[in-house]
């Protein structure tokens, strides 16, 4: 039986995630996931690809989304924390996400000053407007906030374990799951593994087309193409290299370009999710080469 072993939401795009025991899966993903985004003075989103220190920003959002705290996970940094009353009524502004224009609600000068000081570059914080109506691509239609694409990224521990085997063959150390920034991590309960259990098969998530988890249901959109964010040490906020991309390129090259690791999903039916929920695969497909 495959079960959920971790649930992680990322309130501010590019910043650290927050692990939760249970949450509501909305049409746009886990509650509050990528509902905020850091942008430069030109409105273009900031990403760990260029600003790896984003990984050190620890956001905490209240359950109702009305309060947001940004703190810095940097010993001796002296940046303190900034606490905000989230606004959804301020004027909208244009923001750029991978060349596509969306709307954002600026969260004020205090947040902007804190982020500018911490990142060392002019920055502002925006929130997804309530009327945000983004359509995401892939096999199953869906929506998301400021995520790169689909609402949910699912990854199995078996896939990471297989990567660790490949890394060890190169004499490279294992990497933490947070390098890949998943929303849902699945595994099998050891006492129930029967060898044929899909959750102990590396990359079985590539073949899931429909899955019920808790009260929710997911529909497959596409494979997760990996980028330079995987090179960033999420605890140190610095970019290393060349792993894991070098090793993944040896066995996970995607015919459409890049390397893939994990799968992305749209929300077919919202509902409550909890750690320990069984993942019931309702439809399988062929792995995409």
C-alpha atoms as a PDB file:
ATOM      1  CA  UNK A   1       0.000   0.000   0.000  1.00  0.00           C
ATOM      2  CA  UNK A   2       1.442   3.343  -1.036  1.00  0.00           C
ATOM      3  CA  UNK A   3       0.899   6.108   1.473  1.00  0.00           C
ATOM      4  CA  UNK A   4       1.577   9.805   1.838  1.00  0.00           C
ATOM      5  CA  UNK A   5       4.635  10.301   4.046  1.00  0.00           C
ATOM      6  CA  UNK A   6       5.165  14.039   3.543  1.00  0.00           C
ATOM      7  CA  UNK A   7       3.031  17.035   2.575  1.00  0.00           C
ATOM      8  CA  UNK A   8       4.879  20.255   1.807  1.00  0.00           C
ATOM      9  CA  UNK A   9       3.438  23.604   0.829  1.00  0.00           C
ATOM     10  CA  UNK A  10       5.509  26.520  -0.441  1.00  0.00           C
ATOM     11  CA  UNK A  11       3.617  29.729   0.396  1.00  0.00           C
ATOM     12  CA  UNK A  12       6.154  31.981  -1.368  1.00  0.00           C
ATOM     13  CA  UNK A  13       7.396  30.753  -4.722  1.00  0.00           C
ATOM     14  CA  UNK A  14      11.092  29.894  -4.561  1.00  0.00           C
ATOM     15  CA  UNK A  15      11.280  30.091  -0.769  1.00  0.00           C
ATOM     16  CA  UNK A  16      11.424  27.293   1.790  1.00  0.00           C
ATOM     17  CA  UNK A  17       8.560  24.873   2.181  1.00  0.00           C
ATOM     18  CA  UNK A  18       6.449  24.108   5.221  1.00  0.00           C
ATOM     19  CA  UNK A  19       5.722  20.497   6.145  1.00  0.00           C
ATOM     20  CA  UNK A  20       2.201  19.829   7.387  1.00  0.00           C
ATOM     21  CA  UNK A  21       0.430  16.778   8.788  1.00  0.00           C
ATOM     22  CA  UNK A  22      -2.823  17.596   7.005  1.00  0.00           C
ATOM     23  CA  UNK A  23      -4.107  20.290   4.709  1.00  0.00           C
ATOM     24  CA  UNK A  24      -6.819  21.044   2.172  1.00  0.00           C
ATOM     25  CA  UNK A  25      -6.075  20.423  -1.466  1.00  0.00           C
ATOM     26  CA  UNK A  26      -7.600  23.307  -3.409  1.00  0.00           C
ATOM     27  CA  UNK A  27      -8.039  23.477  -7.197  1.00  0.00           C
ATOM     28  CA  UNK A  28      -4.715  25.376  -7.262  1.00  0.00           C
ATOM     29  CA  UNK A  29      -2.823  22.885  -5.065  1.00  0.00           C
ATOM     30  CA  UNK A  30      -2.084  22.493  -1.363  1.00  0.00           C
ATOM     31  CA  UNK A  31      -3.525  25.340   0.712  1.00  0.00           C
ATOM     32  CA  UNK A  32      -1.478  28.536   0.194  1.00  0.00           C
ATOM     33  CA  UNK A  33       0.990  26.826  -2.143  1.00  0.00           C
ATOM     34  CA  UNK A  34       2.775  29.413  -4.322  1.00  0.00           C
ATOM     35  CA  UNK A  35       0.158  32.020  -3.466  1.00  0.00           C
ATOM     36  CA  UNK A  36       2.930  34.619  -3.032  1.00  0.00           C
ATOM     37  CA  UNK A  37       5.880  35.462  -5.256  1.00  0.00           C
ATOM     38  CA  UNK A  38       8.981  37.639  -5.044  1.00  0.00           C
ATOM     39  CA  UNK A  39       9.525  39.888  -8.062  1.00  0.00           C
ATOM     40  CA  UNK A  40      12.202  42.336  -9.124  1.00  0.00           C
ATOM     41  CA  UNK A  41      11.624  46.005  -9.835  1.00  0.00           C
ATOM     42  CA  UNK A  42      10.629  45.042 -13.371  1.00  0.00           C
ATOM     43  CA  UNK A  43       7.926  42.663 -12.123  1.00  0.00           C
ATOM     44  CA  UNK A  44       9.805  39.546 -13.256  1.00  0.00           C
ATOM     45  CA  UNK A  45       9.670  36.678 -10.768  1.00  0.00           C
ATOM     46  CA  UNK A  46      12.737  35.833  -8.712  1.00  0.00           C
ATOM     47  CA  UNK A  47      13.867  32.229  -8.675  1.00  0.00           C
ATOM     48  CA  UNK A  48      16.543  30.146  -6.995  1.00  0.00           C
ATOM     49  CA  UNK A  49      18.045  29.719 -10.447  1.00  0.00           C
ATOM     50  CA  UNK A  50      19.398  33.263 -10.052  1.00  0.00           C
ATOM     51  CA  UNK A  51      18.755  33.988  -6.371  1.00  0.00           C
ATOM     52  CA  UNK A  52      19.614  30.842  -4.379  1.00  0.00           C
ATOM     53  CA  UNK A  53      19.270  32.755  -1.078  1.00  0.00           C
ATOM     54  CA  UNK A  54      15.521  32.529  -1.550  1.00  0.00           C
ATOM     55  CA  UNK A  55      15.879  29.018  -0.105  1.00  0.00           C
ATOM     56  CA  UNK A  56      16.747  30.597   3.264  1.00  0.00           C
ATOM     57  CA  UNK A  57      13.502  32.570   3.475  1.00  0.00           C
ATOM     58  CA  UNK A  58      11.094  30.698   5.774  1.00  0.00           C
ATOM     59  CA  UNK A  59       7.497  31.837   5.200  1.00  0.00           C
ATOM     60  CA  UNK A  60       4.722  31.081   7.656  1.00  0.00           C
ATOM     61  CA  UNK A  61       1.144  31.800   6.675  1.00  0.00           C
ATOM     62  CA  UNK A  62      -1.865  31.685   8.976  1.00  0.00           C
ATOM     63  CA  UNK A  63      -4.529  29.069   8.315  1.00  0.00           C
ATOM     64  CA  UNK A  64      -6.914  31.663   6.888  1.00  0.00           C
ATOM     65  CA  UNK A  65      -4.165  33.281   4.813  1.00  0.00           C
ATOM     66  CA  UNK A  66      -4.574  36.688   6.435  1.00  0.00           C
ATOM     67  CA  UNK A  67      -1.116  36.843   8.081  1.00  0.00           C
ATOM     68  CA  UNK A  68       2.301  36.101   6.628  1.00  0.00           C
ATOM     69  CA  UNK A  69       5.670  36.004   8.384  1.00  0.00           C
ATOM     70  CA  UNK A  70       9.012  35.980   6.576  1.00  0.00           C
ATOM     71  CA  UNK A  71      12.041  34.873   8.586  1.00  0.00           C
ATOM     72  CA  UNK A  72      15.631  34.206   7.563  1.00  0.00           C
ATOM     73  CA  UNK A  73      17.235  30.825   8.242  1.00  0.00           C
ATOM     74  CA  UNK A  74      20.728  32.283   8.369  1.00  0.00           C
ATOM     75  CA  UNK A  75      22.786  32.059  11.597  1.00  0.00           C
ATOM     76  CA  UNK A  76      23.949  35.481  12.689  1.00  0.00           C
ATOM     77  CA  UNK A  77      22.279  37.123   9.718  1.00  0.00           C
ATOM     78  CA  UNK A  78      20.584  39.748  11.844  1.00  0.00           C
ATOM     79  CA  UNK A  79      17.663  40.064   9.462  1.00  0.00           C
ATOM     80  CA  UNK A  80      14.982  39.283  12.021  1.00  0.00           C
ATOM     81  CA  UNK A  81      11.503  38.649  10.710  1.00  0.00           C
ATOM     82  CA  UNK A  82       8.776  40.687   9.071  1.00  0.00           C
ATOM     83  CA  UNK A  83       5.096  40.107   9.850  1.00  0.00           C
ATOM     84  CA  UNK A  84       2.450  41.226   7.422  1.00  0.00           C
ATOM     85  CA  UNK A  85      -1.300  41.622   7.254  1.00  0.00           C
ATOM     86  CA  UNK A  86      -1.986  40.162   3.823  1.00  0.00           C
ATOM     87  CA  UNK A  87      -3.930  42.466   1.553  1.00  0.00           C
ATOM     88  CA  UNK A  88      -6.172  41.370  -1.296  1.00  0.00           C
ATOM     89  CA  UNK A  89      -7.681  44.801  -1.945  1.00  0.00           C
ATOM     90  CA  UNK A  90      -4.620  46.774  -3.085  1.00  0.00           C
ATOM     91  CA  UNK A  91      -4.311  47.724  -6.769  1.00  0.00           C
ATOM     92  CA  UNK A  92      -3.225  44.966  -9.131  1.00  0.00           C
ATOM     93  CA  UNK A  93       0.084  45.063 -10.959  1.00  0.00           C
ATOM     94  CA  UNK A  94       1.530  43.093 -13.863  1.00  0.00           C
ATOM     95  CA  UNK A  95       3.995  40.327 -13.002  1.00  0.00           C
ATOM     96  CA  UNK A  96       6.031  38.148 -15.334  1.00  0.00           C
ATOM     97  CA  UNK A  97       6.310  34.381 -14.851  1.00  0.00           C
ATOM     98  CA  UNK A  98       8.330  32.657 -17.585  1.00  0.00           C
ATOM     99  CA  UNK A  99       7.367  35.386 -20.037  1.00  0.00           C
ATOM    100  CA  UNK A 100       3.627  35.121 -19.306  1.00  0.00           C
ATOM    101  CA  UNK A 101       1.894  38.116 -17.758  1.00  0.00           C
ATOM    102  CA  UNK A 102      -0.292  37.636 -14.680  1.00  0.00           C
ATOM    103  CA  UNK A 103      -1.676  39.955 -12.028  1.00  0.00           C
ATOM    104  CA  UNK A 104      -0.287  40.364  -8.527  1.00  0.00           C
ATOM    105  CA  UNK A 105      -1.256  42.301  -5.405  1.00  0.00           C
ATOM    106  CA  UNK A 106       1.731  44.124  -3.917  1.00  0.00           C
ATOM    107  CA  UNK A 107       2.122  43.407  -0.191  1.00  0.00           C
ATOM    108  CA  UNK A 108       3.705  46.716   0.736  1.00  0.00           C
ATOM    109  CA  UNK A 109       6.957  48.495   1.419  1.00  0.00           C
ATOM    110  CA  UNK A 110       7.879  46.671   4.638  1.00  0.00           C
ATOM    111  CA  UNK A 111       8.002  43.287   2.922  1.00  0.00           C
ATOM    112  CA  UNK A 112       9.789  44.842  -0.059  1.00  0.00           C
ATOM    113  CA  UNK A 113      12.468  46.410   2.159  1.00  0.00           C
ATOM    114  CA  UNK A 114      13.066  43.159   4.049  1.00  0.00           C
ATOM    115  CA  UNK A 115      13.404  41.097   0.871  1.00  0.00           C
ATOM    116  CA  UNK A 116      15.569  43.716  -0.831  1.00  0.00           C
ATOM    117  CA  UNK A 117      17.953  43.743   2.118  1.00  0.00           C
ATOM    118  CA  UNK A 118      18.088  39.960   2.396  1.00  0.00           C
ATOM    119  CA  UNK A 119      18.507  39.221  -1.311  1.00  0.00           C
ATOM    120  CA  UNK A 120      20.709  42.226  -2.051  1.00  0.00           C
ATOM    121  CA  UNK A 121      18.571  43.277  -5.019  1.00  0.00           C
ATOM    122  CA  UNK A 122      15.398  45.373  -5.402  1.00  0.00           C
ATOM    123  CA  UNK A 123      12.485  43.070  -4.636  1.00  0.00           C
ATOM    124  CA  UNK A 124       8.795  43.171  -3.873  1.00  0.00           C
ATOM    125  CA  UNK A 125       6.276  40.601  -2.670  1.00  0.00           C
ATOM    126  CA  UNK A 126       3.025  40.001  -4.534  1.00  0.00           C
ATOM    127  CA  UNK A 127       0.030  37.778  -3.874  1.00  0.00           C
ATOM    128  CA  UNK A 128      -2.222  35.916  -6.298  1.00  0.00           C
ATOM    129  CA  UNK A 129      -5.470  37.896  -6.682  1.00  0.00           C
ATOM    130  CA  UNK A 130      -8.719  36.155  -5.726  1.00  0.00           C
ATOM    131  CA  UNK A 131      -9.814  36.431  -9.356  1.00  0.00           C
ATOM    132  CA  UNK A 132      -6.659  34.667 -10.602  1.00  0.00           C
ATOM    133  CA  UNK A 133      -7.818  32.299 -13.354  1.00  0.00           C
ATOM    134  CA  UNK A 134      -4.742  30.602 -14.711  1.00  0.00           C
ATOM    135  CA  UNK A 135      -5.053  27.613 -17.037  1.00  0.00           C
ATOM    136  CA  UNK A 136      -2.238  25.079 -16.803  1.00  0.00           C
ATOM    137  CA  UNK A 137      -1.052  22.794 -19.578  1.00  0.00           C
ATOM    138  CA  UNK A 138      -0.566  19.036 -19.735  1.00  0.00           C
ATOM    139  CA  UNK A 139      -2.697  15.936 -20.155  1.00  0.00           C
ATOM    140  CA  UNK A 140      -5.259  16.951 -17.516  1.00  0.00           C
ATOM    141  CA  UNK A 141      -6.567  20.557 -17.487  1.00  0.00           C
ATOM    142  CA  UNK A 142      -6.107  22.462 -14.260  1.00  0.00           C
ATOM    143  CA  UNK A 143      -5.042  25.648 -12.550  1.00  0.00           C
ATOM    144  CA  UNK A 144      -2.369  26.806 -10.107  1.00  0.00           C
ATOM    145  CA  UNK A 145      -1.138  29.894  -8.336  1.00  0.00           C
ATOM    146  CA  UNK A 146       2.416  30.987  -9.112  1.00  0.00           C
ATOM    147  CA  UNK A 147       3.762  27.425  -9.473  1.00  0.00           C
ATOM    148  CA  UNK A 148       5.981  26.819 -12.490  1.00  0.00           C
ATOM    149  CA  UNK A 149       3.128  24.909 -14.100  1.00  0.00           C
ATOM    150  CA  UNK A 150       0.803  22.292 -12.580  1.00  0.00           C
ATOM    151  CA  UNK A 151      -0.716  22.474  -9.118  1.00  0.00           C
ATOM    152  CA  UNK A 152       0.883  19.404  -7.518  1.00  0.00           C
ATOM    153  CA  UNK A 153       4.304  17.780  -7.744  1.00  0.00           C
ATOM    154  CA  UNK A 154       4.389  14.159  -6.528  1.00  0.00           C
ATOM    155  CA  UNK A 155       7.570  12.179  -5.931  1.00  0.00           C
ATOM    156  CA  UNK A 156       8.254   8.754  -4.425  1.00  0.00           C
ATOM    157  CA  UNK A 157      11.003   7.849  -1.999  1.00  0.00           C
ATOM    158  CA  UNK A 158      11.789   4.904  -4.270  1.00  0.00           C
ATOM    159  CA  UNK A 159      12.788   7.287  -7.057  1.00  0.00           C
ATOM    160  CA  UNK A 160      15.082   9.207  -4.708  1.00  0.00           C
ATOM    161  CA  UNK A 161      16.587   5.960  -3.387  1.00  0.00           C
ATOM    162  CA  UNK A 162      17.372   4.876  -6.932  1.00  0.00           C
ATOM    163  CA  UNK A 163      19.045   8.226  -7.596  1.00  0.00           C
ATOM    164  CA  UNK A 164      21.120   7.722  -4.460  1.00  0.00           C
ATOM    165  CA  UNK A 165      22.314   4.378  -5.841  1.00  0.00           C
ATOM    166  CA  UNK A 166      23.355   6.077  -9.063  1.00  0.00           C
ATOM    167  CA  UNK A 167      25.099   8.875  -7.167  1.00  0.00           C
ATOM    168  CA  UNK A 168      26.980   6.360  -5.026  1.00  0.00           C
ATOM    169  CA  UNK A 169      28.291   4.692  -8.178  1.00  0.00           C
ATOM    170  CA  UNK A 170      29.906   8.039  -9.024  1.00  0.00           C
ATOM    171  CA  UNK A 171      31.233   8.478  -5.502  1.00  0.00           C
ATOM    172  CA  UNK A 172      28.765  11.319  -4.877  1.00  0.00           C
ATOM    173  CA  UNK A 173      26.828  11.750  -1.606  1.00  0.00           C
ATOM    174  CA  UNK A 174      23.045  11.378  -1.329  1.00  0.00           C
ATOM    175  CA  UNK A 175      20.843  14.444  -1.650  1.00  0.00           C
ATOM    176  CA  UNK A 176      17.899  15.539   0.448  1.00  0.00           C
ATOM    177  CA  UNK A 177      14.369  15.256  -0.898  1.00  0.00           C
ATOM    178  CA  UNK A 178      13.997  19.043  -0.596  1.00  0.00           C
ATOM    179  CA  UNK A 179      16.324  19.507  -3.596  1.00  0.00           C
ATOM    180  CA  UNK A 180      13.297  18.547  -5.709  1.00  0.00           C
ATOM    181  CA  UNK A 181      10.678  20.592  -3.826  1.00  0.00           C
ATOM    182  CA  UNK A 182       7.768  18.102  -4.036  1.00  0.00           C
ATOM    183  CA  UNK A 183       4.308  18.729  -2.600  1.00  0.00           C
ATOM    184  CA  UNK A 184       3.435  15.085  -1.952  1.00  0.00           C
ATOM    185  CA  UNK A 185       5.991  12.401  -1.091  1.00  0.00           C
ATOM    186  CA  UNK A 186       4.813   8.798  -1.154  1.00  0.00           C
ATOM    187  CA  UNK A 187       6.271   5.546   0.139  1.00  0.00           C
ATOM    188  CA  UNK A 188       5.184   2.065   1.154  1.00  0.00           C
ATOM    189  CA  UNK A 189       4.769   0.953   4.725  1.00  0.00           C
ATOM    190  CA  UNK A 190       7.617  -1.560   5.229  1.00  0.00           C
ATOM    191  CA  UNK A 191       5.401  -4.145   6.895  1.00  0.00           C
ATOM    192  CA  UNK A 192       3.072  -4.136   3.882  1.00  0.00           C
ATOM    193  CA  UNK A 193       5.571  -4.170   1.013  1.00  0.00           C
ATOM    194  CA  UNK A 194       5.059  -7.187  -1.239  1.00  0.00           C
ATOM    195  CA  UNK A 195       7.765  -6.629  -3.857  1.00  0.00           C
ATOM    196  CA  UNK A 196       5.249  -5.761  -6.566  1.00  0.00           C
ATOM    197  CA  UNK A 197       4.068  -2.684  -4.662  1.00  0.00           C
ATOM    198  CA  UNK A 198       4.260   0.245  -7.074  1.00  0.00           C
ATOM    199  CA  UNK A 199       5.647   2.605  -4.433  1.00  0.00           C
ATOM    200  CA  UNK A 200       8.874   0.611  -4.164  1.00  0.00           C
ATOM    201  CA  UNK A 201       9.355   0.759  -7.938  1.00  0.00           C
ATOM    202  CA  UNK A 202      11.457   3.789  -8.954  1.00  0.00           C
ATOM    203  CA  UNK A 203       9.602   6.286 -11.131  1.00  0.00           C
ATOM    204  CA  UNK A 204       6.266   4.456 -10.972  1.00  0.00           C
ATOM    205  CA  UNK A 205       4.720   7.899 -10.435  1.00  0.00           C
ATOM    206  CA  UNK A 206       5.473   8.600 -14.115  1.00  0.00           C
ATOM    207  CA  UNK A 207       2.720   6.132 -15.073  1.00  0.00           C
ATOM    208  CA  UNK A 208      -0.063   7.363 -12.771  1.00  0.00           C
ATOM    209  CA  UNK A 209      -2.910   8.936 -14.725  1.00  0.00           C
ATOM    210  CA  UNK A 210      -5.569   9.197 -11.989  1.00  0.00           C
ATOM    211  CA  UNK A 211      -5.103   8.772  -8.250  1.00  0.00           C
ATOM    212  CA  UNK A 212      -7.342   9.220  -5.223  1.00  0.00           C
ATOM    213  CA  UNK A 213      -5.667  10.434  -2.036  1.00  0.00           C
ATOM    214  CA  UNK A 214      -7.724  11.096   1.067  1.00  0.00           C
ATOM    215  CA  UNK A 215     -10.803  12.999  -0.063  1.00  0.00           C
ATOM    216  CA  UNK A 216      -9.069  14.363  -3.161  1.00  0.00           C
ATOM    217  CA  UNK A 217      -8.289  13.166  -6.667  1.00  0.00           C
ATOM    218  CA  UNK A 218      -5.362  14.014  -8.951  1.00  0.00           C
ATOM    219  CA  UNK A 219      -5.025  13.821 -12.730  1.00  0.00           C
ATOM    220  CA  UNK A 220      -1.641  13.484 -14.431  1.00  0.00           C
ATOM    221  CA  UNK A 221      -0.393  16.458 -16.429  1.00  0.00           C
ATOM    222  CA  UNK A 222       3.257  15.783 -17.298  1.00  0.00           C
ATOM    223  CA  UNK A 223       6.674  14.757 -16.069  1.00  0.00           C
ATOM    224  CA  UNK A 224       8.666  17.186 -13.942  1.00  0.00           C
ATOM    225  CA  UNK A 225      11.541  18.523 -16.031  1.00  0.00           C
ATOM    226  CA  UNK A 226      14.359  19.439 -13.663  1.00  0.00           C
ATOM    227  CA  UNK A 227      16.332  22.672 -13.718  1.00  0.00           C
ATOM    228  CA  UNK A 228      19.216  24.343 -11.899  1.00  0.00           C
ATOM    229  CA  UNK A 229      17.137  24.736  -8.718  1.00  0.00           C
ATOM    230  CA  UNK A 230      18.064  21.113  -7.948  1.00  0.00           C
ATOM    231  CA  UNK A 231      21.689  22.280  -7.654  1.00  0.00           C
ATOM    232  CA  UNK A 232      20.850  24.582  -4.732  1.00  0.00           C
ATOM    233  CA  UNK A 233      21.548  23.347  -1.206  1.00  0.00           C
ATOM    234  CA  UNK A 234      18.221  24.228   0.439  1.00  0.00           C
ATOM    235  CA  UNK A 235      19.771  24.490   3.905  1.00  0.00           C
ATOM    236  CA  UNK A 236      22.722  26.670   2.896  1.00  0.00           C
ATOM    237  CA  UNK A 237      21.083  28.750   0.171  1.00  0.00           C
ATOM    238  CA  UNK A 238      24.030  28.319  -2.176  1.00  0.00           C
ATOM    239  CA  UNK A 239      24.308  26.724  -5.577  1.00  0.00           C
ATOM    240  CA  UNK A 240      26.624  23.752  -5.944  1.00  0.00           C
ATOM    241  CA  UNK A 241      26.994  21.333  -8.777  1.00  0.00           C
ATOM    242  CA  UNK A 242      26.915  19.355 -10.882  1.00  0.00           C
ATOM    243  CA  UNK A 243      24.640  16.933  -9.003  1.00  0.00           C
ATOM    244  CA  UNK A 244      21.967  15.750  -9.370  1.00  0.00           C
ATOM    245  CA  UNK A 245      21.628  16.924 -12.980  1.00  0.00           C
ATOM    246  CA  UNK A 246      24.824  15.212 -14.124  1.00  0.00           C
ATOM    247  CA  UNK A 247      23.693  11.809 -12.866  1.00  0.00           C
ATOM    248  CA  UNK A 248      20.068  12.241 -13.947  1.00  0.00           C
ATOM    249  CA  UNK A 249      21.266  13.059 -17.463  1.00  0.00           C
ATOM    250  CA  UNK A 250      22.717   9.563 -17.629  1.00  0.00           C
ATOM    251  CA  UNK A 251      19.394   7.741 -17.207  1.00  0.00           C
ATOM    252  CA  UNK A 252      16.488  10.209 -17.125  1.00  0.00           C
ATOM    253  CA  UNK A 253      16.823  12.167 -20.361  1.00  0.00           C
ATOM    254  CA  UNK A 254      13.482  13.247 -21.796  1.00  0.00           C
ATOM    255  CA  UNK A 255      12.937  13.030 -25.551  1.00  0.00           C
ATOM    256  CA  UNK A 256      11.392  16.509 -25.551  1.00  0.00           C
ATOM    257  CA  UNK A 257      14.485  17.928 -23.832  1.00  0.00           C
ATOM    258  CA  UNK A 258      15.980  18.079 -20.352  1.00  0.00           C
ATOM    259  CA  UNK A 259      15.961  15.481 -17.594  1.00  0.00           C
ATOM    260  CA  UNK A 260      12.880  14.402 -15.636  1.00  0.00           C
ATOM    261  CA  UNK A 261      12.330  13.371 -12.034  1.00  0.00           C
ATOM    262  CA  UNK A 262       8.867  13.128 -10.477  1.00  0.00           C
ATOM    263  CA  UNK A 263       5.472  13.860 -11.978  1.00  0.00           C
ATOM    264  CA  UNK A 264       3.038  16.761 -11.945  1.00  0.00           C
ATOM    265  CA  UNK A 265      -0.708  16.645 -11.470  1.00  0.00           C
ATOM    266  CA  UNK A 266      -3.810  18.783 -11.719  1.00  0.00           C
ATOM    267  CA  UNK A 267      -6.483  18.716  -9.016  1.00  0.00           C
ATOM    268  CA  UNK A 268      -9.516  16.852 -10.320  1.00  0.00           C
ATOM    269  CA  UNK A 269     -11.352  16.825  -6.981  1.00  0.00           C
ATOM    270  CA  UNK A 270     -10.362  19.068  -4.042  1.00  0.00           C
ATOM    271  CA  UNK A 271     -10.424  17.647  -0.535  1.00  0.00           C
ATOM    272  CA  UNK A 272      -8.525  17.043   2.660  1.00  0.00           C
ATOM    273  CA  UNK A 273      -5.110  15.377   2.554  1.00  0.00           C
ATOM    274  CA  UNK A 274      -3.221  13.904   5.499  1.00  0.00           C
ATOM    275  CA  UNK A 275       0.068  12.168   6.081  1.00  0.00           C
ATOM    276  CA  UNK A 276      -0.771   8.465   6.196  1.00  0.00           C
ATOM    277  CA  UNK A 277      -3.453   8.639   3.499  1.00  0.00           C
ATOM    278  CA  UNK A 278      -3.432   5.740   1.074  1.00  0.00           C
ATOM    279  CA  UNK A 279      -2.650   6.577  -2.559  1.00  0.00           C
ATOM    280  CA  UNK A 280      -5.117   4.630  -4.690  1.00  0.00           C
ATOM    281  CA  UNK A 281      -4.109   4.591  -8.351  1.00  0.00           C
ATOM    282  CA  UNK A 282      -7.312   4.473 -10.379  1.00  0.00           C
ATOM    283  CA  UNK A 283      -5.702   4.576 -13.824  1.00  0.00           C
ATOM    284  CA  UNK A 284      -2.262   3.733 -15.112  1.00  0.00           C
ATOM    285  CA  UNK A 285      -0.610   4.778 -18.368  1.00  0.00           C
ATOM    286  CA  UNK A 286       2.638   4.168 -20.174  1.00  0.00           C
ATOM    287  CA  UNK A 287       5.778   5.972 -19.061  1.00  0.00           C
ATOM    288  CA  UNK A 288       6.591   8.881 -21.386  1.00  0.00           C
ATOM    289  CA  UNK A 289      10.056   8.541 -22.880  1.00  0.00           C
END
